[in-house]
């Protein structure tokens, strides 16, 4: 697997703390070392956990998420999406039909979730 890194951690059994103990840049080397790491972890009464990352694809994924956010914002602002707040009485400024649900928030929720995903991938949360 190209550009794959495997990070190995020792973690307490409650899952409250973990420490990075090794980074492997191919799965074959990690698999060869895992039994030794597992033995060290058992002696320390810890467990071994790992995370796999394809670091080369992260910038591409972030760019794609940014594009998706812009696409959702364009859909929200397009002519086919009618927001009740856009249809106001010219004299009073009141919304003409307040019984219709405004769906702008649905589009905004998708954008918010995409931003959260972006932060997660970027290691910000």
Protein backbone atom coordinates (compact mmCIF):
# COMPACT_ATOMS: atom_id res chain seq x y z
CA UNK A 1 0.00 0.00 0.00
CA UNK A 2 1.60 3.23 -1.12
CA UNK A 3 1.77 6.20 1.24
CA UNK A 4 0.20 4.21 4.10
CA UNK A 5 1.44 4.81 7.60
CA UNK A 6 0.47 2.75 10.61
CA UNK A 7 0.79 4.38 14.01
CA UNK A 8 0.99 2.06 17.01
CA UNK A 9 -0.08 3.22 20.46
CA UNK A 10 0.07 1.75 23.97
CA UNK A 11 -3.20 2.45 25.71
CA UNK A 12 -4.43 1.78 29.23
CA UNK A 13 -7.24 -0.73 29.45
CA UNK A 14 -9.77 1.95 30.41
CA UNK A 15 -9.00 3.80 27.20
CA UNK A 16 -8.28 7.06 28.98
CA UNK A 17 -4.65 7.51 27.94
CA UNK A 18 -2.56 6.40 25.01
CA UNK A 19 0.96 7.06 23.84
CA UNK A 20 2.37 6.80 20.34
CA UNK A 21 5.16 4.21 20.43
CA UNK A 22 5.95 3.61 16.76
CA UNK A 23 5.13 4.71 13.23
CA UNK A 24 5.47 2.24 10.37
CA UNK A 25 5.44 3.25 6.74
CA UNK A 26 4.24 -0.07 5.39
CA UNK A 27 1.83 -2.67 6.66
CA UNK A 28 4.26 -5.56 6.21
CA UNK A 29 6.78 -4.12 8.68
CA UNK A 30 4.01 -3.31 11.15
CA UNK A 31 2.66 -6.86 10.96
CA UNK A 32 6.17 -8.24 11.56
CA UNK A 33 6.65 -6.05 14.64
CA UNK A 34 3.18 -6.32 16.10
CA UNK A 35 3.78 -9.51 18.15
CA UNK A 36 6.76 -7.89 19.88
CA UNK A 37 4.84 -4.69 20.55
CA UNK A 38 1.94 -6.76 21.87
CA UNK A 39 4.26 -8.57 24.30
CA UNK A 40 5.69 -5.30 25.59
CA UNK A 41 2.19 -3.89 26.02
CA UNK A 42 0.99 -6.99 27.94
CA UNK A 43 3.96 -6.81 30.33
CA UNK A 44 3.07 -3.19 31.07
CA UNK A 45 -0.63 -4.12 31.43
CA UNK A 46 -1.51 -2.04 28.41
CA UNK A 47 -3.13 -2.80 25.09
CA UNK A 48 -1.87 -1.93 21.64
CA UNK A 49 -4.02 0.11 19.32
CA UNK A 50 -3.27 1.41 15.87
CA UNK A 51 -4.41 3.89 13.30
CA UNK A 52 -3.81 3.72 9.58
CA UNK A 53 -3.49 6.85 7.51
CA UNK A 54 -3.05 7.43 3.85
CA UNK A 55 -1.33 10.78 4.33
CA UNK A 56 -0.91 11.44 0.63
CA UNK A 57 -4.69 11.62 0.15
CA UNK A 58 -5.46 14.04 2.99
CA UNK A 59 -4.89 17.31 1.05
CA UNK A 60 -6.97 15.92 -1.82
CA UNK A 61 -9.78 14.99 0.59
CA UNK A 62 -9.75 18.45 2.20
CA UNK A 63 -9.97 20.11 -1.21
CA UNK A 64 -12.90 17.86 -2.11
CA UNK A 65 -14.70 18.72 1.13
CA UNK A 66 -14.22 22.44 0.43
CA UNK A 67 -15.75 21.92 -3.03
CA UNK A 68 -18.72 20.05 -1.53
CA UNK A 69 -19.34 22.91 0.92
CA UNK A 70 -19.39 25.41 -1.94
CA UNK A 71 -21.74 23.16 -3.93
CA UNK A 72 -24.19 22.91 -1.01
CA UNK A 73 -24.06 26.68 -0.50
CA UNK A 74 -24.84 27.18 -4.21
CA UNK A 75 -27.82 24.84 -3.90
CA UNK A 76 -29.08 26.76 -0.87
CA UNK A 77 -28.78 30.06 -2.73
CA UNK A 78 -30.14 28.81 -6.07
CA UNK A 79 -33.46 29.88 -7.58
CA UNK A 80 -35.14 26.49 -7.13
CA UNK A 81 -34.74 26.71 -3.34
CA UNK A 82 -37.37 29.14 -2.12
CA UNK A 83 -36.97 30.46 1.39
CA UNK A 84 -40.16 31.84 2.99
CA UNK A 85 -38.05 34.70 4.34
CA UNK A 86 -37.39 35.77 0.74
CA UNK A 87 -41.10 36.36 0.15
CA UNK A 88 -42.04 39.38 2.26
CA UNK A 89 -44.85 41.87 2.12
CA UNK A 90 -43.38 44.97 0.46
CA UNK A 91 -45.14 47.33 2.87
CA UNK A 92 -44.81 45.61 6.26
CA UNK A 93 -41.74 43.47 5.61
CA UNK A 94 -43.52 40.51 7.18
CA UNK A 95 -43.05 37.01 5.75
CA UNK A 96 -46.04 36.31 3.49
CA UNK A 97 -46.46 32.61 4.31
CA UNK A 98 -44.97 31.81 7.70
CA UNK A 99 -46.46 28.29 7.67
CA UNK A 100 -43.85 27.05 5.19
CA UNK A 101 -40.71 25.62 6.71
CA UNK A 102 -37.49 27.39 5.90
CA UNK A 103 -35.04 24.74 4.72
CA UNK A 104 -31.97 27.00 4.67
CA UNK A 105 -30.94 25.44 7.96
CA UNK A 106 -30.85 21.97 6.40
CA UNK A 107 -28.32 23.16 3.83
CA UNK A 108 -26.35 24.94 6.56
CA UNK A 109 -26.32 21.76 8.71
CA UNK A 110 -24.74 19.83 5.84
CA UNK A 111 -22.08 22.54 5.50
CA UNK A 112 -21.46 22.47 9.26
CA UNK A 113 -21.04 18.69 9.21
CA UNK A 114 -18.63 18.91 6.27
CA UNK A 115 -16.60 21.53 8.15
CA UNK A 116 -16.50 19.22 11.17
CA UNK A 117 -15.33 16.35 8.97
CA UNK A 118 -12.65 18.61 7.52
CA UNK A 119 -11.42 19.49 11.03
CA UNK A 120 -11.42 15.82 12.04
CA UNK A 121 -9.34 14.83 9.00
CA UNK A 122 -7.01 17.75 9.62
CA UNK A 123 -6.55 16.67 13.26
CA UNK A 124 -8.10 19.84 14.68
CA UNK A 125 -10.70 17.94 16.73
